[in-house]
Amino acid sequence: MAHAYPPPPGPDTGPTPTGTRSRPRTGERGPAETGAGDPGRARRSAPRRGGPPPAPRGPRARRPLTPWLFLLAPLALLITFTYAPIVNMIAYSFTDWDGVSPELHYTGAQNYAEIFTREDLFQVFWVSGYYLAASVVQIVAALYFATVLSFRVRFRNFFKGVLFFPSLVNGVAIGFVFLYFFQDGGTLDTVLQLFGHPTDRAWLGTPVSANVSLAGVSVWRYLGMNFVLFLGAIQSVPGELYEAAELDGAGRWHQFRYIILPGIRPVLTLTVILSVSGSLSAFEIPYIMTGGATGTETFVIQTVKLAFQFNKTGLASAAAVVLLLIILLVTWVQRRLVPDDRVDLV
């Protein structure tokens, strides 16, 4: 007689020995993975229904304020020593304040009308022409030395230091050094006598020779700063471009014209703007060496004399505002004529 035996236990339905845990089926997660045995974990893994996300706590909440905390001190100094004086200067330009008296009276645009109607106040801008010409020489010389010393040249680090050294010297010290250099029987006359060219010329005695001498001193002083700007811009150009140009047979002139000059165009534009604004506001060297005598008075020297020598602080403030507007206008025109477009050399 046939006996019916029960089917063998399968992997899913069969009985398990006492004290052992059943294996989950393939694709099924156990309690440890689903968090069924951990109510706290289940609550944490449950999706949030509605409402804004929780606000960050601790260091993450203070992170957006960190940059402003670092900028707090510089902004305070900038506002205190730059923008606040400019606002005061504009306010004084509409008064007749003498710089000493506690009383001042509002005069409207009278100071500006006097500036634009007095020819002697604007004639000093002709002196700035000497410094503009000197700035052209300065930019060309700085660009030349930066280009030459950017390649492998012997003692190039020594020449870099020599060119940059005048920028480290105080402007007052430079003024006194060249004051003795150009005086009668001074260093320049002594050097000329050694080469058989004796001269009794007063280098600071006539307007033309004095302005040319002062402009030459400004070239010597500020050449190093422009040289460093150009050198840094040239060294930022990828070296692979020079190697590719040499493989194509390009010489130094072609490398300068088609690689260096387009690559440093933004820095060149910035240097021109700084040179023009510096030429219009020249003060330190002519004030120390001549004090504005013999036709060397600049617009800034004239403004200082109006404020501290003639006690016309209101008129001097108006002159300073006019100079500021002229510099801003010249800068805007330069940026419009030569836009700062990024050049892709690759």
C-alpha atoms as a PDB file:
ATOM      1  CA  MET A   1       0.000   0.000   0.000  1.00  0.00           C
ATOM      2  CA  ALA A   2       1.407   3.335  -0.996  1.00  0.00           C
ATOM      3  CA  HIS A   3       2.161   5.872   1.700  1.00  0.00           C
ATOM      4  CA  ALA A   4       1.900   9.634   1.090  1.00  0.00           C
ATOM      5  CA  TYR A   5       4.921  11.384   2.406  1.00  0.00           C
ATOM      6  CA  PRO A   6       4.879  15.203   2.996  1.00  0.00           C
ATOM      7  CA  PRO A   7       6.893  17.285   0.587  1.00  0.00           C
ATOM      8  CA  PRO A   8      10.446  18.223   1.612  1.00  0.00           C
ATOM      9  CA  PRO A   9      10.729  21.593   3.297  1.00  0.00           C
ATOM     10  CA  GLY A  10      11.613  24.352   0.885  1.00  0.00           C
ATOM     11  CA  PRO A  11      13.843  27.371   1.526  1.00  0.00           C
ATOM     12  CA  ASP A  12      10.857  29.632   2.248  1.00  0.00           C
ATOM     13  CA  THR A  13       8.176  27.443   3.809  1.00  0.00           C
ATOM     14  CA  GLY A  14      10.071  24.758   5.652  1.00  0.00           C
ATOM     15  CA  PRO A  15      10.262  24.583   9.398  1.00  0.00           C
ATOM     16  CA  THR A  16      13.296  25.927  11.172  1.00  0.00           C
ATOM     17  CA  PRO A  17      15.067  24.447  14.123  1.00  0.00           C
ATOM     18  CA  THR A  18      14.265  25.854  17.500  1.00  0.00           C
ATOM     19  CA  GLY A  19      16.574  28.719  18.527  1.00  0.00           C
ATOM     20  CA  THR A  20      17.628  29.689  15.000  1.00  0.00           C
ATOM     21  CA  ARG A  21      16.578  32.693  12.900  1.00  0.00           C
ATOM     22  CA  SER A  22      15.106  32.261   9.486  1.00  0.00           C
ATOM     23  CA  ARG A  23      16.969  33.732   6.580  1.00  0.00           C
ATOM     24  CA  PRO A  24      15.156  36.391   4.617  1.00  0.00           C
ATOM     25  CA  ARG A  25      14.309  35.697   1.105  1.00  0.00           C
ATOM     26  CA  THR A  26      16.361  37.038  -1.721  1.00  0.00           C
ATOM     27  CA  GLY A  27      15.690  40.753  -2.200  1.00  0.00           C
ATOM     28  CA  GLU A  28      14.028  41.095   1.218  1.00  0.00           C
ATOM     29  CA  ARG A  29      15.679  43.302   3.896  1.00  0.00           C
ATOM     30  CA  GLY A  30      15.883  42.223   7.469  1.00  0.00           C
ATOM     31  CA  PRO A  31      14.851  44.115  10.573  1.00  0.00           C
ATOM     32  CA  ALA A  32      18.338  45.530  11.087  1.00  0.00           C
ATOM     33  CA  GLU A  33      18.206  47.137   7.650  1.00  0.00           C
ATOM     34  CA  THR A  34      14.648  48.414   7.767  1.00  0.00           C
ATOM     35  CA  GLY A  35      14.887  49.766  11.293  1.00  0.00           C
ATOM     36  CA  ALA A  36      11.960  47.714  12.460  1.00  0.00           C
ATOM     37  CA  GLY A  37      13.773  46.814  15.649  1.00  0.00           C
ATOM     38  CA  ASP A  38      14.846  50.417  16.357  1.00  0.00           C
ATOM     39  CA  PRO A  39      11.922  52.854  16.814  1.00  0.00           C
ATOM     40  CA  GLY A  40      14.277  55.867  16.995  1.00  0.00           C
ATOM     41  CA  ARG A  41      15.873  54.944  13.712  1.00  0.00           C
ATOM     42  CA  ALA A  42      12.507  54.462  12.143  1.00  0.00           C
ATOM     43  CA  ARG A  43      11.494  57.945  13.235  1.00  0.00           C
ATOM     44  CA  ARG A  44      14.706  59.413  11.864  1.00  0.00           C
ATOM     45  CA  SER A  45      14.317  57.664   8.523  1.00  0.00           C
ATOM     46  CA  ALA A  46      10.675  58.592   8.121  1.00  0.00           C
ATOM     47  CA  PRO A  47      10.157  61.319   5.516  1.00  0.00           C
ATOM     48  CA  ARG A  48       9.137  64.729   6.812  1.00  0.00           C
ATOM     49  CA  ARG A  49       5.660  65.710   5.769  1.00  0.00           C
ATOM     50  CA  GLY A  50       5.252  69.413   4.979  1.00  0.00           C
ATOM     51  CA  GLY A  51       6.862  72.369   6.741  1.00  0.00           C
ATOM     52  CA  PRO A  52      10.245  74.041   6.162  1.00  0.00           C
ATOM     53  CA  PRO A  53      13.482  72.122   6.668  1.00  0.00           C
ATOM     54  CA  PRO A  54      15.074  72.445  10.096  1.00  0.00           C
ATOM     55  CA  ALA A  55      17.361  75.460  10.529  1.00  0.00           C
ATOM     56  CA  PRO A  56      21.079  74.634  10.738  1.00  0.00           C
ATOM     57  CA  ARG A  57      22.591  74.799  14.171  1.00  0.00           C
ATOM     58  CA  GLY A  58      26.086  75.350  15.463  1.00  0.00           C
ATOM     59  CA  PRO A  59      29.005  76.433  13.216  1.00  0.00           C
ATOM     60  CA  ARG A  60      26.992  76.046  10.010  1.00  0.00           C
ATOM     61  CA  ALA A  61      24.556  78.762  11.123  1.00  0.00           C
ATOM     62  CA  ARG A  62      27.421  81.237  11.715  1.00  0.00           C
ATOM     63  CA  ARG A  63      29.199  80.468   8.454  1.00  0.00           C
ATOM     64  CA  PRO A  64      27.426  83.170   6.303  1.00  0.00           C
ATOM     65  CA  LEU A  65      28.479  85.844   8.815  1.00  0.00           C
ATOM     66  CA  THR A  66      32.175  84.937   8.797  1.00  0.00           C
ATOM     67  CA  PRO A  67      33.192  86.926   5.662  1.00  0.00           C
ATOM     68  CA  TRP A  68      31.418  90.016   6.963  1.00  0.00           C
ATOM     69  CA  LEU A  69      33.228  89.768  10.261  1.00  0.00           C
ATOM     70  CA  PHE A  70      36.569  89.765   8.426  1.00  0.00           C
ATOM     71  CA  LEU A  71      35.470  92.738   6.296  1.00  0.00           C
ATOM     72  CA  LEU A  72      34.211  94.759   9.244  1.00  0.00           C
ATOM     73  CA  ALA A  73      37.548  96.369  10.184  1.00  0.00           C
ATOM     74  CA  PRO A  74      38.692  97.187   6.592  1.00  0.00           C
ATOM     75  CA  LEU A  75      35.303  98.655   5.725  1.00  0.00           C
ATOM     76  CA  ALA A  76      35.313 100.768   8.871  1.00  0.00           C
ATOM     77  CA  LEU A  77      38.766 102.148   8.032  1.00  0.00           C
ATOM     78  CA  LEU A  78      37.805 102.734   4.406  1.00  0.00           C
ATOM     79  CA  ILE A  79      34.663 104.634   5.326  1.00  0.00           C
ATOM     80  CA  THR A  80      36.376 106.630   8.077  1.00  0.00           C
ATOM     81  CA  PHE A  81      39.484 107.713   6.190  1.00  0.00           C
ATOM     82  CA  THR A  82      38.288 107.761   2.551  1.00  0.00           C
ATOM     83  CA  TYR A  83      34.583 108.189   1.973  1.00  0.00           C
ATOM     84  CA  ALA A  84      33.788 110.368   4.980  1.00  0.00           C
ATOM     85  CA  PRO A  85      36.528 112.917   4.058  1.00  0.00           C
ATOM     86  CA  ILE A  86      35.270 112.979   0.477  1.00  0.00           C
ATOM     87  CA  VAL A  87      31.757 113.782   1.682  1.00  0.00           C
ATOM     88  CA  ASN A  88      33.131 116.535   3.929  1.00  0.00           C
ATOM     89  CA  MET A  89      35.208 117.923   1.067  1.00  0.00           C
ATOM     90  CA  ILE A  90      32.151 118.134  -1.177  1.00  0.00           C
ATOM     91  CA  ALA A  91      30.224 119.852   1.614  1.00  0.00           C
ATOM     92  CA  TYR A  92      33.043 122.377   2.230  1.00  0.00           C
ATOM     93  CA  SER A  93      33.212 123.183  -1.488  1.00  0.00           C
ATOM     94  CA  PHE A  94      29.873 124.986  -1.178  1.00  0.00           C
ATOM     95  CA  THR A  95      31.040 127.197   1.697  1.00  0.00           C
ATOM     96  CA  ASP A  96      33.525 130.007   2.338  1.00  0.00           C
ATOM     97  CA  TRP A  97      35.288 128.210   5.188  1.00  0.00           C
ATOM     98  CA  ASP A  98      38.851 129.367   5.859  1.00  0.00           C
ATOM     99  CA  GLY A  99      39.919 126.138   7.570  1.00  0.00           C
ATOM    100  CA  VAL A 100      40.331 127.750  11.003  1.00  0.00           C
ATOM    101  CA  SER A 101      37.185 129.595  11.978  1.00  0.00           C
ATOM    102  CA  PRO A 102      34.335 127.553  13.474  1.00  0.00           C
ATOM    103  CA  GLU A 103      31.892 129.583  11.403  1.00  0.00           C
ATOM    104  CA  LEU A 104      31.227 128.900   7.742  1.00  0.00           C
ATOM    105  CA  HIS A 105      28.613 130.256   5.365  1.00  0.00           C
ATOM    106  CA  TYR A 106      26.895 128.557   2.472  1.00  0.00           C
ATOM    107  CA  THR A 107      27.850 130.188  -0.837  1.00  0.00           C
ATOM    108  CA  GLY A 108      26.264 127.824  -3.340  1.00  0.00           C
ATOM    109  CA  ALA A 109      28.228 127.270  -6.555  1.00  0.00           C
ATOM    110  CA  GLN A 110      30.293 130.434  -6.182  1.00  0.00           C
ATOM    111  CA  ASN A 111      33.548 128.532  -5.651  1.00  0.00           C
ATOM    112  CA  TYR A 112      32.997 126.442  -8.787  1.00  0.00           C
ATOM    113  CA  ALA A 113      32.154 129.575 -10.785  1.00  0.00           C
ATOM    114  CA  GLU A 114      35.410 131.163  -9.627  1.00  0.00           C
ATOM    115  CA  ILE A 115      37.422 128.094 -10.605  1.00  0.00           C
ATOM    116  CA  PHE A 116      36.019 127.975 -14.133  1.00  0.00           C
ATOM    117  CA  THR A 117      36.326 131.730 -14.695  1.00  0.00           C
ATOM    118  CA  ARG A 118      39.880 132.252 -13.421  1.00  0.00           C
ATOM    119  CA  GLU A 119      42.363 131.316 -16.133  1.00  0.00           C
ATOM    120  CA  ASP A 120      45.313 131.119 -13.753  1.00  0.00           C
ATOM    121  CA  LEU A 121      43.711 128.196 -11.910  1.00  0.00           C
ATOM    122  CA  PHE A 122      43.621 126.053 -15.053  1.00  0.00           C
ATOM    123  CA  GLN A 123      46.893 127.172 -16.619  1.00  0.00           C
ATOM    124  CA  VAL A 124      48.767 124.858 -14.275  1.00  0.00           C
ATOM    125  CA  PHE A 125      47.382 121.902 -16.209  1.00  0.00           C
ATOM    126  CA  TRP A 126      49.941 122.693 -18.920  1.00  0.00           C
ATOM    127  CA  VAL A 127      52.583 121.495 -16.466  1.00  0.00           C
ATOM    128  CA  SER A 128      50.875 118.110 -16.410  1.00  0.00           C
ATOM    129  CA  GLY A 129      51.824 117.750 -20.081  1.00  0.00           C
ATOM    130  CA  TYR A 130      55.448 117.153 -19.043  1.00  0.00           C
ATOM    131  CA  TYR A 131      54.377 114.350 -16.727  1.00  0.00           C
ATOM    132  CA  LEU A 132      52.117 112.853 -19.394  1.00  0.00           C
ATOM    133  CA  ALA A 133      55.067 112.693 -21.796  1.00  0.00           C
ATOM    134  CA  ALA A 134      57.193 111.217 -19.022  1.00  0.00           C
ATOM    135  CA  SER A 135      54.549 108.572 -18.329  1.00  0.00           C
ATOM    136  CA  VAL A 136      54.756 107.437 -21.967  1.00  0.00           C
ATOM    137  CA  VAL A 137      58.528 107.039 -21.648  1.00  0.00           C
ATOM    138  CA  GLN A 138      58.039 105.267 -18.350  1.00  0.00           C
ATOM    139  CA  ILE A 139      55.527 102.733 -19.735  1.00  0.00           C
ATOM    140  CA  VAL A 140      57.641 101.981 -22.801  1.00  0.00           C
ATOM    141  CA  ALA A 141      60.817 101.516 -20.737  1.00  0.00           C
ATOM    142  CA  ALA A 142      59.065  99.345 -18.141  1.00  0.00           C
ATOM    143  CA  LEU A 143      57.521  97.163 -20.844  1.00  0.00           C
ATOM    144  CA  TYR A 144      60.875  96.786 -22.591  1.00  0.00           C
ATOM    145  CA  PHE A 145      62.764  95.744 -19.458  1.00  0.00           C
ATOM    146  CA  ALA A 146      59.955  93.418 -18.358  1.00  0.00           C
ATOM    147  CA  THR A 147      59.951  91.688 -21.758  1.00  0.00           C
ATOM    148  CA  VAL A 148      63.726  91.284 -21.866  1.00  0.00           C
ATOM    149  CA  LEU A 149      64.032  90.042 -18.284  1.00  0.00           C
ATOM    150  CA  SER A 150      61.154  87.590 -18.686  1.00  0.00           C
ATOM    151  CA  PHE A 151      63.418  85.437 -20.883  1.00  0.00           C
ATOM    152  CA  ARG A 152      66.594  83.691 -19.775  1.00  0.00           C
ATOM    153  CA  VAL A 153      69.110  86.475 -19.309  1.00  0.00           C
ATOM    154  CA  ARG A 154      72.234  86.460 -17.175  1.00  0.00           C
ATOM    155  CA  PHE A 155      71.961  88.362 -13.888  1.00  0.00           C
ATOM    156  CA  ARG A 156      68.285  88.992 -14.524  1.00  0.00           C
ATOM    157  CA  ASN A 157      67.443  88.810 -10.796  1.00  0.00           C
ATOM    158  CA  PHE A 158      70.056  91.491 -10.133  1.00  0.00           C
ATOM    159  CA  PHE A 159      68.572  93.792 -12.769  1.00  0.00           C
ATOM    160  CA  LYS A 160      65.076  93.172 -11.405  1.00  0.00           C
ATOM    161  CA  GLY A 161      66.221  94.388  -8.009  1.00  0.00           C
ATOM    162  CA  VAL A 162      67.934  97.432  -9.490  1.00  0.00           C
ATOM    163  CA  LEU A 163      64.831  98.457 -11.410  1.00  0.00           C
ATOM    164  CA  PHE A 164      62.460  97.934  -8.496  1.00  0.00           C
ATOM    165  CA  PHE A 165      64.639  99.561  -5.822  1.00  0.00           C
ATOM    166  CA  PRO A 166      63.511 103.206  -6.441  1.00  0.00           C
ATOM    167  CA  SER A 167      59.917 102.210  -5.681  1.00  0.00           C
ATOM    168  CA  LEU A 168      60.974 101.277  -2.146  1.00  0.00           C
ATOM    169  CA  VAL A 169      62.498 104.688  -1.356  1.00  0.00           C
ATOM    170  CA  ASN A 170      60.387 107.371   0.273  1.00  0.00           C
ATOM    171  CA  GLY A 171      59.275 110.159  -2.079  1.00  0.00           C
ATOM    172  CA  VAL A 172      60.525 112.910   0.248  1.00  0.00           C
ATOM    173  CA  ALA A 173      63.975 111.330   0.359  1.00  0.00           C
ATOM    174  CA  ILE A 174      64.011 111.067  -3.439  1.00  0.00           C
ATOM    175  CA  GLY A 175      63.083 114.736  -3.702  1.00  0.00           C
ATOM    176  CA  PHE A 176      65.984 115.841  -1.498  1.00  0.00           C
ATOM    177  CA  VAL A 177      68.469 113.520  -3.236  1.00  0.00           C
ATOM    178  CA  PHE A 178      67.662 114.904  -6.686  1.00  0.00           C
ATOM    179  CA  LEU A 179      67.515 118.432  -5.337  1.00  0.00           C
ATOM    180  CA  TYR A 180      71.259 118.151  -4.642  1.00  0.00           C
ATOM    181  CA  PHE A 181      71.703 116.221  -7.883  1.00  0.00           C
ATOM    182  CA  PHE A 182      70.399 119.112 -10.030  1.00  0.00           C
ATOM    183  CA  GLN A 183      71.724 122.087  -8.064  1.00  0.00           C
ATOM    184  CA  ASP A 184      74.529 124.303  -9.396  1.00  0.00           C
ATOM    185  CA  GLY A 185      77.823 122.463  -9.035  1.00  0.00           C
ATOM    186  CA  GLY A 186      75.991 119.368  -7.886  1.00  0.00           C
ATOM    187  CA  THR A 187      76.308 115.740  -8.862  1.00  0.00           C
ATOM    188  CA  LEU A 188      75.108 116.167 -12.435  1.00  0.00           C
ATOM    189  CA  ASP A 189      77.525 119.020 -13.162  1.00  0.00           C
ATOM    190  CA  THR A 190      80.374 117.030 -11.610  1.00  0.00           C
ATOM    191  CA  VAL A 191      79.645 113.981 -13.768  1.00  0.00           C
ATOM    192  CA  LEU A 192      79.465 116.128 -16.912  1.00  0.00           C
ATOM    193  CA  GLN A 193      82.819 117.703 -16.078  1.00  0.00           C
ATOM    194  CA  LEU A 194      84.395 114.268 -15.772  1.00  0.00           C
ATOM    195  CA  PHE A 195      83.326 113.549 -19.355  1.00  0.00           C
ATOM    196  CA  GLY A 196      84.659 116.879 -20.606  1.00  0.00           C
ATOM    197  CA  HIS A 197      81.340 118.757 -20.791  1.00  0.00           C
ATOM    198  CA  PRO A 198      81.509 121.516 -18.194  1.00  0.00           C
ATOM    199  CA  THR A 199      78.284 123.452 -17.758  1.00  0.00           C
ATOM    200  CA  ASP A 200      77.030 126.268 -15.607  1.00  0.00           C
ATOM    201  CA  ARG A 201      73.382 125.689 -16.468  1.00  0.00           C
ATOM    202  CA  ALA A 202      70.753 126.018 -13.721  1.00  0.00           C
ATOM    203  CA  TRP A 203      68.786 122.826 -14.221  1.00  0.00           C
ATOM    204  CA  LEU A 204      65.948 124.032 -12.014  1.00  0.00           C
ATOM    205  CA  GLY A 205      66.201 127.685 -12.989  1.00  0.00           C
ATOM    206  CA  THR A 206      63.929 127.847 -16.056  1.00  0.00           C
ATOM    207  CA  PRO A 207      60.422 126.432 -16.494  1.00  0.00           C
ATOM    208  CA  VAL A 208      61.326 124.068 -19.334  1.00  0.00           C
ATOM    209  CA  SER A 209      64.490 122.595 -17.817  1.00  0.00           C
ATOM    210  CA  ALA A 210      62.918 122.388 -14.364  1.00  0.00           C
ATOM    211  CA  ASN A 211      59.804 120.557 -15.571  1.00  0.00           C
ATOM    212  CA  VAL A 212      61.860 118.208 -17.725  1.00  0.00           C
ATOM    213  CA  SER A 213      64.102 117.434 -14.746  1.00  0.00           C
ATOM    214  CA  LEU A 214      61.158 116.815 -12.433  1.00  0.00           C
ATOM    215  CA  ALA A 215      59.462 114.606 -15.003  1.00  0.00           C
ATOM    216  CA  GLY A 216      62.673 112.617 -15.341  1.00  0.00           C
ATOM    217  CA  VAL A 217      62.761 112.077 -11.595  1.00  0.00           C
ATOM    218  CA  SER A 218      59.185 110.772 -11.681  1.00  0.00           C
ATOM    219  CA  VAL A 219      60.170 108.325 -14.430  1.00  0.00           C
ATOM    220  CA  TRP A 220      63.056 107.026 -12.300  1.00  0.00           C
ATOM    221  CA  ARG A 221      60.862 106.613  -9.249  1.00  0.00           C
ATOM    222  CA  TYR A 222      57.781 104.921 -10.734  1.00  0.00           C
ATOM    223  CA  LEU A 223      59.505 102.808 -13.382  1.00  0.00           C
ATOM    224  CA  GLY A 224      59.961  99.893 -10.988  1.00  0.00           C
ATOM    225  CA  MET A 225      56.284  99.638 -10.082  1.00  0.00           C
ATOM    226  CA  ASN A 226      55.173  99.437 -13.704  1.00  0.00           C
ATOM    227  CA  PHE A 227      58.014  97.023 -14.391  1.00  0.00           C
ATOM    228  CA  VAL A 228      56.738  94.632 -11.700  1.00  0.00           C
ATOM    229  CA  LEU A 229      53.171  94.825 -13.051  1.00  0.00           C
ATOM    230  CA  PHE A 230      54.307  94.026 -16.584  1.00  0.00           C
ATOM    231  CA  LEU A 231      56.657  91.280 -15.457  1.00  0.00           C
ATOM    232  CA  GLY A 232      53.937  89.531 -13.477  1.00  0.00           C
ATOM    233  CA  ALA A 233      51.533  89.767 -16.416  1.00  0.00           C
ATOM    234  CA  ILE A 234      54.116  88.377 -18.850  1.00  0.00           C
ATOM    235  CA  GLN A 235      54.973  85.467 -16.563  1.00  0.00           C
ATOM    236  CA  SER A 236      51.280  84.562 -16.323  1.00  0.00           C
ATOM    237  CA  VAL A 237      51.222  83.761 -20.055  1.00  0.00           C
ATOM    238  CA  PRO A 238      51.465  79.952 -20.520  1.00  0.00           C
ATOM    239  CA  GLY A 239      54.950  78.811 -21.488  1.00  0.00           C
ATOM    240  CA  GLU A 240      53.585  76.363 -24.042  1.00  0.00           C
ATOM    241  CA  LEU A 241      52.725  79.293 -26.281  1.00  0.00           C
ATOM    242  CA  TYR A 242      56.359  80.398 -26.436  1.00  0.00           C
ATOM    243  CA  GLU A 243      57.485  76.840 -27.180  1.00  0.00           C
ATOM    244  CA  ALA A 244      54.929  76.490 -29.972  1.00  0.00           C
ATOM    245  CA  ALA A 245      55.963  79.864 -31.394  1.00  0.00           C
ATOM    246  CA  GLU A 246      59.645  78.867 -31.374  1.00  0.00           C
ATOM    247  CA  LEU A 247      58.807  75.611 -33.161  1.00  0.00           C
ATOM    248  CA  ASP A 248      56.992  77.647 -35.808  1.00  0.00           C
ATOM    249  CA  GLY A 249      60.082  79.836 -36.255  1.00  0.00           C
ATOM    250  CA  ALA A 250      58.776  82.973 -34.514  1.00  0.00           C
ATOM    251  CA  GLY A 251      61.404  85.382 -33.249  1.00  0.00           C
ATOM    252  CA  ARG A 252      61.365  87.528 -30.139  1.00  0.00           C
ATOM    253  CA  TRP A 253      59.573  90.385 -31.884  1.00  0.00           C
ATOM    254  CA  HIS A 254      56.775  88.150 -33.156  1.00  0.00           C
ATOM    255  CA  GLN A 255      56.438  86.543 -29.733  1.00  0.00           C
ATOM    256  CA  PHE A 256      56.103  89.992 -28.199  1.00  0.00           C
ATOM    257  CA  ARG A 257      53.621  91.198 -30.799  1.00  0.00           C
ATOM    258  CA  TYR A 258      51.329  88.185 -31.014  1.00  0.00           C
ATOM    259  CA  ILE A 259      51.688  86.570 -27.555  1.00  0.00           C
ATOM    260  CA  ILE A 260      52.944  89.010 -24.927  1.00  0.00           C
ATOM    261  CA  LEU A 261      51.163  92.182 -25.992  1.00  0.00           C
ATOM    262  CA  PRO A 262      47.664  90.620 -26.302  1.00  0.00           C
ATOM    263  CA  GLY A 263      48.229  88.646 -23.097  1.00  0.00           C
ATOM    264  CA  ILE A 264      49.025  91.690 -20.946  1.00  0.00           C
ATOM    265  CA  ARG A 265      46.423  94.000 -22.453  1.00  0.00           C
ATOM    266  CA  PRO A 266      44.338  94.359 -19.243  1.00  0.00           C
ATOM    267  CA  VAL A 267      47.448  95.225 -17.213  1.00  0.00           C
ATOM    268  CA  LEU A 268      48.617  97.647 -19.894  1.00  0.00           C
ATOM    269  CA  THR A 269      45.255  99.421 -19.804  1.00  0.00           C
ATOM    270  CA  LEU A 270      45.412  99.667 -16.024  1.00  0.00           C
ATOM    271  CA  THR A 271      48.937 101.087 -16.172  1.00  0.00           C
ATOM    272  CA  VAL A 272      47.905 103.753 -18.662  1.00  0.00           C
ATOM    273  CA  ILE A 273      44.983 104.800 -16.465  1.00  0.00           C
ATOM    274  CA  LEU A 274      47.196 105.030 -13.373  1.00  0.00           C
ATOM    275  CA  SER A 275      49.857 106.975 -15.269  1.00  0.00           C
ATOM    276  CA  VAL A 276      47.399 109.540 -16.632  1.00  0.00           C
ATOM    277  CA  SER A 277      45.733 110.065 -13.251  1.00  0.00           C
ATOM    278  CA  GLY A 278      49.141 110.344 -11.598  1.00  0.00           C
ATOM    279  CA  SER A 279      50.262 112.926 -14.157  1.00  0.00           C
ATOM    280  CA  LEU A 280      47.227 115.092 -13.453  1.00  0.00           C
ATOM    281  CA  SER A 281      47.745 114.864  -9.690  1.00  0.00           C
ATOM    282  CA  ALA A 282      51.549 115.166  -9.457  1.00  0.00           C
ATOM    283  CA  PHE A 283      52.516 116.675  -6.131  1.00  0.00           C
ATOM    284  CA  GLU A 284      55.258 115.082  -4.069  1.00  0.00           C
ATOM    285  CA  ILE A 285      58.385 115.531  -6.184  1.00  0.00           C
ATOM    286  CA  PRO A 286      57.726 119.078  -7.500  1.00  0.00           C
ATOM    287  CA  TYR A 287      56.610 120.270  -4.059  1.00  0.00           C
ATOM    288  CA  ILE A 288      59.779 118.997  -2.362  1.00  0.00           C
ATOM    289  CA  MET A 289      62.233 120.081  -5.043  1.00  0.00           C
ATOM    290  CA  THR A 290      60.865 123.467  -6.148  1.00  0.00           C
ATOM    291  CA  GLY A 291      57.752 124.183  -4.103  1.00  0.00           C
ATOM    292  CA  GLY A 292      55.963 125.123  -7.315  1.00  0.00           C
ATOM    293  CA  ALA A 293      58.453 127.865  -8.252  1.00  0.00           C
ATOM    294  CA  THR A 294      59.874 128.564 -11.747  1.00  0.00           C
ATOM    295  CA  GLY A 295      56.683 127.436 -13.494  1.00  0.00           C
ATOM    296  CA  THR A 296      56.535 123.965 -11.904  1.00  0.00           C
ATOM    297  CA  GLU A 297      53.317 124.447  -9.954  1.00  0.00           C
ATOM    298  CA  THR A 298      50.816 121.655 -10.493  1.00  0.00           C
ATOM    299  CA  PHE A 299      47.095 121.673  -9.828  1.00  0.00           C
ATOM    300  CA  VAL A 300      47.525 119.831  -6.526  1.00  0.00           C
ATOM    301  CA  ILE A 301      50.242 122.224  -5.316  1.00  0.00           C
ATOM    302  CA  GLN A 302      47.970 125.137  -6.185  1.00  0.00           C
ATOM    303  CA  THR A 303      45.113 123.526  -4.260  1.00  0.00           C
ATOM    304  CA  VAL A 304      47.311 123.031  -1.190  1.00  0.00           C
ATOM    305  CA  LYS A 305      48.408 126.664  -1.316  1.00  0.00           C
ATOM    306  CA  LEU A 306      44.804 127.848  -1.577  1.00  0.00           C
ATOM    307  CA  ALA A 307      43.918 125.884   1.559  1.00  0.00           C
ATOM    308  CA  PHE A 308      46.942 126.409   3.821  1.00  0.00           C
ATOM    309  CA  GLN A 309      48.604 129.568   2.514  1.00  0.00           C
ATOM    310  CA  PHE A 310      45.637 131.725   1.504  1.00  0.00           C
ATOM    311  CA  ASN A 311      43.141 130.139   3.957  1.00  0.00           C
ATOM    312  CA  LYS A 312      40.551 129.436   1.270  1.00  0.00           C
ATOM    313  CA  THR A 313      39.555 125.924   2.234  1.00  0.00           C
ATOM    314  CA  GLY A 314      36.176 126.176   0.520  1.00  0.00           C
ATOM    315  CA  LEU A 315      37.755 127.161  -2.798  1.00  0.00           C
ATOM    316  CA  ALA A 316      40.459 124.497  -2.385  1.00  0.00           C
ATOM    317  CA  SER A 317      37.795 121.863  -1.725  1.00  0.00           C
ATOM    318  CA  ALA A 318      35.994 122.867  -4.910  1.00  0.00           C
ATOM    319  CA  ALA A 319      39.280 122.601  -6.830  1.00  0.00           C
ATOM    320  CA  ALA A 320      39.847 119.123  -5.396  1.00  0.00           C
ATOM    321  CA  VAL A 321      36.351 118.062  -6.447  1.00  0.00           C
ATOM    322  CA  VAL A 322      36.976 119.381  -9.958  1.00  0.00           C
ATOM    323  CA  LEU A 323      40.243 117.433 -10.156  1.00  0.00           C
ATOM    324  CA  LEU A 324      38.488 114.277  -8.974  1.00  0.00           C
ATOM    325  CA  LEU A 325      35.807 114.674 -11.637  1.00  0.00           C
ATOM    326  CA  ILE A 326      38.437 115.267 -14.337  1.00  0.00           C
ATOM    327  CA  ILE A 327      40.309 112.098 -13.366  1.00  0.00           C
ATOM    328  CA  LEU A 328      37.083 110.075 -13.340  1.00  0.00           C
ATOM    329  CA  LEU A 329      36.141 111.478 -16.749  1.00  0.00           C
ATOM    330  CA  VAL A 330      39.543 110.676 -18.243  1.00  0.00           C
ATOM    331  CA  THR A 331      39.371 107.153 -16.805  1.00  0.00           C
ATOM    332  CA  TRP A 332      35.888 106.611 -18.239  1.00  0.00           C
ATOM    333  CA  VAL A 333      36.992 107.824 -21.690  1.00  0.00           C
ATOM    334  CA  GLN A 334      39.999 105.496 -21.619  1.00  0.00           C
ATOM    335  CA  ARG A 335      37.854 102.520 -20.684  1.00  0.00           C
ATOM    336  CA  ARG A 336      35.439 103.333 -23.487  1.00  0.00           C
ATOM    337  CA  LEU A 337      38.193 103.721 -26.075  1.00  0.00           C
ATOM    338  CA  VAL A 338      40.129 100.659 -24.905  1.00  0.00           C
ATOM    339  CA  PRO A 339      37.637  98.169 -23.433  1.00  0.00           C
ATOM    340  CA  ASP A 340      39.000  95.526 -21.118  1.00  0.00           C
ATOM    341  CA  ASP A 341      38.217  92.499 -23.274  1.00  0.00           C
ATOM    342  CA  ARG A 342      39.627  89.144 -22.305  1.00  0.00           C
ATOM    343  CA  VAL A 343      41.940  87.764 -24.978  1.00  0.00           C
ATOM    344  CA  ASP A 344      42.062  84.022 -25.589  1.00  0.00           C
ATOM    345  CA  LEU A 345      45.561  83.128 -26.743  1.00  0.00           C
ATOM    346  CA  VAL A 346      44.976  79.389 -27.008  1.00  0.00           C
END
